[in-house]
PDB file of N, CA and C in Angstrom:
ATOM      1  N   MET A   1      -9.559   8.977  26.155  1.00  0.00           N
ATOM      2  CA  MET A   1      -9.748   9.150  24.735  1.00  0.00           C
ATOM      3  C   MET A   1      -9.361  10.556  24.291  1.00  0.00           C
ATOM      4  N   ASP A   2      -9.553  11.535  25.160  1.00  0.00           N
ATOM      5  CA  ASP A   2      -9.245  12.905  24.778  1.00  0.00           C
ATOM      6  C   ASP A   2      -7.741  13.153  24.677  1.00  0.00           C
ATOM      7  N   ALA A   3      -6.922  12.259  25.232  1.00  0.00           N
ATOM      8  CA  ALA A   3      -5.468  12.446  25.233  1.00  0.00           C
ATOM      9  C   ALA A   3      -4.801  11.781  24.027  1.00  0.00           C
ATOM     10  N   LYS A   4      -5.559  11.429  23.003  1.00  0.00           N
ATOM     11  CA  LYS A   4      -4.983  10.792  21.817  1.00  0.00           C
ATOM     12  C   LYS A   4      -3.966  11.710  21.171  1.00  0.00           C
ATOM     13  N   LYS A   5      -2.910  11.128  20.665  1.00  0.00           N
ATOM     14  CA  LYS A   5      -1.908  11.889  19.932  1.00  0.00           C
ATOM     15  C   LYS A   5      -1.776  11.272  18.554  1.00  0.00           C
ATOM     16  N   TYR A   6      -1.846  12.091  17.541  1.00  0.00           N
ATOM     17  CA  TYR A   6      -1.730  11.637  16.164  1.00  0.00           C
ATOM     18  C   TYR A   6      -0.443  12.178  15.569  1.00  0.00           C
ATOM     19  N   PHE A   7       0.149  11.415  14.698  1.00  0.00           N
ATOM     20  CA  PHE A   7       1.334  11.888  14.005  1.00  0.00           C
ATOM     21  C   PHE A   7       1.376  11.269  12.618  1.00  0.00           C
ATOM     22  N   SER A   8       2.155  11.857  11.781  1.00  0.00           N
ATOM     23  CA  SER A   8       2.325  11.378  10.417  1.00  0.00           C
ATOM     24  C   SER A   8       3.819  11.309  10.131  1.00  0.00           C
ATOM     25  N   ILE A   9       4.248  10.252   9.485  1.00  0.00           N
ATOM     26  CA  ILE A   9       5.651  10.091   9.131  1.00  0.00           C
ATOM     27  C   ILE A   9       5.776  10.191   7.620  1.00  0.00           C
ATOM     28  N   SER A  10       6.677  11.021   7.178  1.00  0.00           N
ATOM     29  CA  SER A  10       6.925  11.208   5.757  1.00  0.00           C
ATOM     30  C   SER A  10       7.826  10.093   5.233  1.00  0.00           C
ATOM     31  N   ALA A  11       7.730   9.794   3.956  1.00  0.00           N
ATOM     32  CA  ALA A  11       8.594   8.783   3.341  1.00  0.00           C
ATOM     33  C   ALA A  11      10.064   9.139   3.506  1.00  0.00           C
ATOM     34  N   SER A  12      10.378  10.422   3.548  1.00  0.00           N
ATOM     35  CA  SER A  12      11.776  10.843   3.707  1.00  0.00           C
ATOM     36  C   SER A  12      12.287  10.587   5.125  1.00  0.00           C
ATOM     37  N   ASP A  13      11.391  10.254   6.066  1.00  0.00           N
ATOM     38  CA  ASP A  13      11.767   9.947   7.439  1.00  0.00           C
ATOM     39  C   ASP A  13      11.775   8.445   7.713  1.00  0.00           C
ATOM     40  N   ALA A  14      11.865   7.640   6.675  1.00  0.00           N
ATOM     41  CA  ALA A  14      11.893   6.184   6.826  1.00  0.00           C
ATOM     42  C   ALA A  14      13.097   5.621   6.073  1.00  0.00           C
ATOM     43  N   ARG A  15      13.675   4.568   6.625  1.00  0.00           N
ATOM     44  CA  ARG A  15      14.783   3.854   5.972  1.00  0.00           C
ATOM     45  C   ARG A  15      14.480   2.372   6.042  1.00  0.00           C
ATOM     46  N   LEU A  16      14.682   1.691   4.938  1.00  0.00           N
ATOM     47  CA  LEU A  16      14.516   0.247   4.876  1.00  0.00           C
ATOM     48  C   LEU A  16      15.901  -0.377   4.989  1.00  0.00           C
ATOM     49  N   GLU A  17      16.130  -1.147   6.059  1.00  0.00           N
ATOM     50  CA  GLU A  17      17.423  -1.800   6.244  1.00  0.00           C
ATOM     51  C   GLU A  17      17.375  -3.163   5.562  1.00  0.00           C
ATOM     52  N   LEU A  18      18.367  -3.425   4.737  1.00  0.00           N
ATOM     53  CA  LEU A  18      18.418  -4.672   3.989  1.00  0.00           C
ATOM     54  C   LEU A  18      19.206  -5.728   4.753  1.00  0.00           C
ATOM     55  N   ASP A  19      19.120  -6.968   4.281  1.00  0.00           N
ATOM     56  CA  ASP A  19      19.815  -8.063   4.953  1.00  0.00           C
ATOM     57  C   ASP A  19      21.332  -7.928   4.917  1.00  0.00           C
ATOM     58  N   ASN A  20      21.855  -7.063   4.042  1.00  0.00           N
ATOM     59  CA  ASN A  20      23.303  -6.803   4.010  1.00  0.00           C
ATOM     60  C   ASN A  20      23.666  -5.550   4.822  1.00  0.00           C
ATOM     61  N   LYS A  21      22.709  -5.072   5.651  1.00  0.00           N
ATOM     62  CA  LYS A  21      22.859  -3.937   6.581  1.00  0.00           C
ATOM     63  C   LYS A  21      22.931  -2.568   5.897  1.00  0.00           C
ATOM     64  N   ILE A  22      22.675  -2.490   4.612  1.00  0.00           N
ATOM     65  CA  ILE A  22      22.590  -1.204   3.909  1.00  0.00           C
ATOM     66  C   ILE A  22      21.189  -0.632   4.147  1.00  0.00           C
ATOM     67  N   SER A  23      21.107   0.674   4.415  1.00  0.00           N
ATOM     68  CA  SER A  23      19.817   1.345   4.602  1.00  0.00           C
ATOM     69  C   SER A  23      19.452   2.118   3.339  1.00  0.00           C
ATOM     70  N   VAL A  24      18.221   1.945   2.911  1.00  0.00           N
ATOM     71  CA  VAL A  24      17.729   2.569   1.683  1.00  0.00           C
ATOM     72  C   VAL A  24      16.648   3.576   2.062  1.00  0.00           C
ATOM     73  N   PRO A  25      16.768   4.847   1.627  1.00  0.00           N
ATOM     74  CA  PRO A  25      15.727   5.834   1.951  1.00  0.00           C
ATOM     75  C   PRO A  25      14.456   5.584   1.141  1.00  0.00           C
ATOM     76  N   GLY A  26      13.350   6.000   1.715  1.00  0.00           N
ATOM     77  CA  GLY A  26      12.079   5.890   1.012  1.00  0.00           C
ATOM     78  C   GLY A  26      11.781   7.156   0.232  1.00  0.00           C
ATOM     79  N   ARG A  27      10.877   7.039  -0.711  1.00  0.00           N
ATOM     80  CA  ARG A  27      10.406   8.212  -1.449  1.00  0.00           C
ATOM     81  C   ARG A  27       8.937   7.991  -1.783  1.00  0.00           C
ATOM     82  N   LYS A  28       8.236   9.082  -2.006  1.00  0.00           N
ATOM     83  CA  LYS A  28       6.822   9.005  -2.352  1.00  0.00           C
ATOM     84  C   LYS A  28       6.660   8.633  -3.811  1.00  0.00           C
ATOM     85  N   GLU A  29       5.563   7.964  -4.112  1.00  0.00           N
ATOM     86  CA  GLU A  29       5.199   7.697  -5.489  1.00  0.00           C
ATOM     87  C   GLU A  29       4.816   9.027  -6.135  1.00  0.00           C
ATOM     88  N   ALA A  30       5.178   9.229  -7.384  1.00  0.00           N
ATOM     89  CA  ALA A  30       4.878  10.478  -8.088  1.00  0.00           C
ATOM     90  C   ALA A  30       3.377  10.777  -8.024  1.00  0.00           C
ATOM     91  N   GLY A  31       3.046  11.998  -7.655  1.00  0.00           N
ATOM     92  CA  GLY A  31       1.650  12.418  -7.586  1.00  0.00           C
ATOM     93  C   GLY A  31       0.949  12.016  -6.301  1.00  0.00           C
ATOM     94  N   ASN A  32       1.634  11.298  -5.434  1.00  0.00           N
ATOM     95  CA  ASN A  32       1.054  10.842  -4.174  1.00  0.00           C
ATOM     96  C   ASN A  32       1.362  11.865  -3.088  1.00  0.00           C
ATOM     97  N   THR A  33       0.409  12.181  -2.264  1.00  0.00           N
ATOM     98  CA  THR A  33       0.622  13.133  -1.178  1.00  0.00           C
ATOM     99  C   THR A  33       0.641  12.388   0.155  1.00  0.00           C
ATOM    100  N   GLU A  34       1.327  12.962   1.141  1.00  0.00           N
ATOM    101  CA  GLU A  34       1.345  12.372   2.478  1.00  0.00           C
ATOM    102  C   GLU A  34       0.011  12.662   3.151  1.00  0.00           C
ATOM    103  N   PRO A  35      -0.622  11.660   3.775  1.00  0.00           N
ATOM    104  CA  PRO A  35      -1.900  11.909   4.460  1.00  0.00           C
ATOM    105  C   PRO A  35      -1.695  12.737   5.718  1.00  0.00           C
ATOM    106  N   ASP A  36      -2.741  13.436   6.126  1.00  0.00           N
ATOM    107  CA  ASP A  36      -2.707  14.166   7.395  1.00  0.00           C
ATOM    108  C   ASP A  36      -2.620  13.172   8.543  1.00  0.00           C
ATOM    109  N   ALA A  37      -2.175  13.642   9.687  1.00  0.00           N
ATOM    110  CA  ALA A  37      -1.964  12.763  10.848  1.00  0.00           C
ATOM    111  C   ALA A  37      -3.220  12.001  11.270  1.00  0.00           C
ATOM    112  N   GLU A  38      -4.380  12.600  11.180  1.00  0.00           N
ATOM    113  CA  GLU A  38      -5.611  11.940  11.619  1.00  0.00           C
ATOM    114  C   GLU A  38      -6.389  11.315  10.462  1.00  0.00           C
ATOM    115  N   ALA A  39      -5.840  11.316   9.280  1.00  0.00           N
ATOM    116  CA  ALA A  39      -6.552  10.810   8.108  1.00  0.00           C
ATOM    117  C   ALA A  39      -6.533   9.292   8.055  1.00  0.00           C
ATOM    118  N   SER A  40      -7.522   8.737   7.409  1.00  0.00           N
ATOM    119  CA  SER A  40      -7.564   7.285   7.229  1.00  0.00           C
ATOM    120  C   SER A  40      -7.100   6.905   5.817  1.00  0.00           C
ATOM    121  N   THR A  41      -6.496   7.846   5.114  1.00  0.00           N
ATOM    122  CA  THR A  41      -5.998   7.569   3.774  1.00  0.00           C
ATOM    123  C   THR A  41      -4.603   6.950   3.856  1.00  0.00           C
ATOM    124  N   GLU A  42      -4.120   6.462   2.735  1.00  0.00           N
ATOM    125  CA  GLU A  42      -2.820   5.804   2.681  1.00  0.00           C
ATOM    126  C   GLU A  42      -1.882   6.539   1.747  1.00  0.00           C
ATOM    127  N   ALA A  43      -0.594   6.307   1.929  1.00  0.00           N
ATOM    128  CA  ALA A  43       0.431   6.829   1.031  1.00  0.00           C
ATOM    129  C   ALA A  43       1.224   5.645   0.502  1.00  0.00           C
ATOM    130  N   VAL A  44       1.779   5.784  -0.677  1.00  0.00           N
ATOM    131  CA  VAL A  44       2.610   4.735  -1.268  1.00  0.00           C
ATOM    132  C   VAL A  44       4.053   5.194  -1.201  1.00  0.00           C
ATOM    133  N   TRP A  45       4.894   4.387  -0.548  1.00  0.00           N
ATOM    134  CA  TRP A  45       6.322   4.662  -0.464  1.00  0.00           C
ATOM    135  C   TRP A  45       7.061   3.678  -1.343  1.00  0.00           C
ATOM    136  N   ILE A  46       8.129   4.155  -1.978  1.00  0.00           N
ATOM    137  CA  ILE A  46       8.917   3.312  -2.880  1.00  0.00           C
ATOM    138  C   ILE A  46      10.343   3.216  -2.347  1.00  0.00           C
ATOM    139  N   PHE A  47      10.869   2.000  -2.323  1.00  0.00           N
ATOM    140  CA  PHE A  47      12.253   1.753  -1.925  1.00  0.00           C
ATOM    141  C   PHE A  47      12.927   1.005  -3.067  1.00  0.00           C
ATOM    142  N   GLN A  48      14.071   1.498  -3.520  1.00  0.00           N
ATOM    143  CA  GLN A  48      14.838   0.851  -4.580  1.00  0.00           C
ATOM    144  C   GLN A  48      15.772  -0.175  -3.945  1.00  0.00           C
ATOM    145  N   LEU A  49      15.535  -1.462  -4.174  1.00  0.00           N
ATOM    146  CA  LEU A  49      16.345  -2.521  -3.588  1.00  0.00           C
ATOM    147  C   LEU A  49      17.382  -3.016  -4.594  1.00  0.00           C
ATOM    148  N   PRO A  50      18.643  -3.109  -4.169  1.00  0.00           N
ATOM    149  CA  PRO A  50      19.652  -3.701  -5.044  1.00  0.00           C
ATOM    150  C   PRO A  50      19.320  -5.182  -5.303  1.00  0.00           C
ATOM    151  N   ALA A  51      19.809  -5.719  -6.390  1.00  0.00           N
ATOM    152  CA  ALA A  51      19.555  -7.115  -6.748  1.00  0.00           C
ATOM    153  C   ALA A  51      20.043  -8.048  -5.641  1.00  0.00           C
ATOM    154  N   SER A  52      19.332  -9.131  -5.441  1.00  0.00           N
ATOM    155  CA  SER A  52      19.675 -10.191  -4.481  1.00  0.00           C
ATOM    156  C   SER A  52      19.701  -9.724  -3.028  1.00  0.00           C
ATOM    157  N   THR A  53      18.915  -8.713  -2.683  1.00  0.00           N
ATOM    158  CA  THR A  53      18.809  -8.276  -1.292  1.00  0.00           C
ATOM    159  C   THR A  53      17.357  -8.408  -0.845  1.00  0.00           C
ATOM    160  N   ASN A  54      17.180  -8.492   0.453  1.00  0.00           N
ATOM    161  CA  ASN A  54      15.841  -8.581   1.030  1.00  0.00           C
ATOM    162  C   ASN A  54      15.718  -7.579   2.165  1.00  0.00           C
ATOM    163  N   PRO A  55      14.530  -7.010   2.367  1.00  0.00           N
ATOM    164  CA  PRO A  55      14.341  -6.103   3.501  1.00  0.00           C
ATOM    165  C   PRO A  55      14.421  -6.876   4.812  1.00  0.00           C
ATOM    166  N   ASP A  56      15.008  -6.244   5.823  1.00  0.00           N
ATOM    167  CA  ASP A  56      15.175  -6.867   7.129  1.00  0.00           C
ATOM    168  C   ASP A  56      14.432  -6.084   8.213  1.00  0.00           C
ATOM    169  N   LYS A  57      14.543  -4.745   8.184  1.00  0.00           N
ATOM    170  CA  LYS A  57      13.883  -3.877   9.161  1.00  0.00           C
ATOM    171  C   LYS A  57      13.416  -2.609   8.470  1.00  0.00           C
ATOM    172  N   LEU A  58      12.391  -1.995   9.037  1.00  0.00           N
ATOM    173  CA  LEU A  58      11.931  -0.693   8.586  1.00  0.00           C
ATOM    174  C   LEU A  58      12.098   0.264   9.757  1.00  0.00           C
ATOM    175  N   HIS A  59      12.884   1.322   9.549  1.00  0.00           N
ATOM    176  CA  HIS A  59      13.155   2.313  10.588  1.00  0.00           C
ATOM    177  C   HIS A  59      12.359   3.579  10.291  1.00  0.00           C
ATOM    178  N   PHE A  60      11.712   4.113  11.329  1.00  0.00           N
ATOM    179  CA  PHE A  60      11.006   5.384  11.243  1.00  0.00           C
ATOM    180  C   PHE A  60      11.704   6.378  12.158  1.00  0.00           C
ATOM    181  N   PHE A  61      11.856   7.625  11.703  1.00  0.00           N
ATOM    182  CA  PHE A  61      12.503   8.680  12.480  1.00  0.00           C
ATOM    183  C   PHE A  61      11.506   9.807  12.705  1.00  0.00           C
ATOM    184  N   LEU A  62      11.327  10.208  13.975  1.00  0.00           N
ATOM    185  CA  LEU A  62      10.395  11.273  14.301  1.00  0.00           C
ATOM    186  C   LEU A  62      10.894  12.010  15.540  1.00  0.00           C
ATOM    187  N   ASP A  63      11.140  13.290  15.418  1.00  0.00           N
ATOM    188  CA  ASP A  63      11.568  14.132  16.542  1.00  0.00           C
ATOM    189  C   ASP A  63      12.750  13.549  17.313  1.00  0.00           C
ATOM    190  N   GLY A  64      13.766  13.080  16.613  1.00  0.00           N
ATOM    191  CA  GLY A  64      14.964  12.557  17.257  1.00  0.00           C
ATOM    192  C   GLY A  64      14.820  11.150  17.800  1.00  0.00           C
ATOM    193  N   THR A  65      13.705  10.499  17.526  1.00  0.00           N
ATOM    194  CA  THR A  65      13.468   9.138  18.000  1.00  0.00           C
ATOM    195  C   THR A  65      13.411   8.194  16.805  1.00  0.00           C
ATOM    196  N   ARG A  66      14.003   7.012  16.963  1.00  0.00           N
ATOM    197  CA  ARG A  66      13.940   6.002  15.909  1.00  0.00           C
ATOM    198  C   ARG A  66      13.154   4.806  16.422  1.00  0.00           C
ATOM    199  N   VAL A  67      12.231   4.352  15.603  1.00  0.00           N
ATOM    200  CA  VAL A  67      11.460   3.153  15.901  1.00  0.00           C
ATOM    201  C   VAL A  67      11.743   2.156  14.780  1.00  0.00           C
ATOM    202  N   SER A  68      12.070   0.928  15.154  1.00  0.00           N
ATOM    203  CA  SER A  68      12.384  -0.093  14.160  1.00  0.00           C
ATOM    204  C   SER A  68      11.362  -1.215  14.224  1.00  0.00           C
ATOM    205  N   VAL A  69      10.994  -1.697  13.052  1.00  0.00           N
ATOM    206  CA  VAL A  69      10.051  -2.808  12.939  1.00  0.00           C
ATOM    207  C   VAL A  69      10.734  -3.897  12.134  1.00  0.00           C
ATOM    208  N   GLY A  70      10.838  -5.091  12.712  1.00  0.00           N
ATOM    209  CA  GLY A  70      11.436  -6.211  11.998  1.00  0.00           C
ATOM    210  C   GLY A  70      10.506  -6.719  10.910  1.00  0.00           C
ATOM    211  N   LEU A  71      11.075  -7.168   9.799  1.00  0.00           N
ATOM    212  CA  LEU A  71      10.298  -7.684   8.675  1.00  0.00           C
ATOM    213  C   LEU A  71      10.673  -9.134   8.406  1.00  0.00           C
ATOM    214  N   ILE A  72       9.685  -9.945   8.072  1.00  0.00           N
ATOM    215  CA  ILE A  72       9.916 -11.338   7.714  1.00  0.00           C
ATOM    216  C   ILE A  72       9.271 -11.575   6.353  1.00  0.00           C
ATOM    217  N   LYS A  73      10.027 -12.158   5.456  1.00  0.00           N
ATOM    218  CA  LYS A  73       9.512 -12.460   4.115  1.00  0.00           C
ATOM    219  C   LYS A  73       8.842 -13.825   4.143  1.00  0.00           C
ATOM    220  N   LYS A  74       7.603 -13.877   3.656  1.00  0.00           N
ATOM    221  CA  LYS A  74       6.863 -15.147   3.612  1.00  0.00           C
ATOM    222  C   LYS A  74       6.646 -15.566   2.187  1.00  0.00           C
TER     223      LYS A  74
END
């Protein structure tokens, strides 16, 4: 338990990949602050999607590493 590592990812370090393979950068909602790494608070990120597109993956970038999470629309 003592070896826990906490991190925080900024909206500027995330890209939403659309079904047409275009990546859209994220941005913070006006007046919203990024939570601290160990905080239990939330942040609101906004992605501008072109018409007739759907999100496919969410990519996070941290210290030269990329982590991708697949998305499914229900």
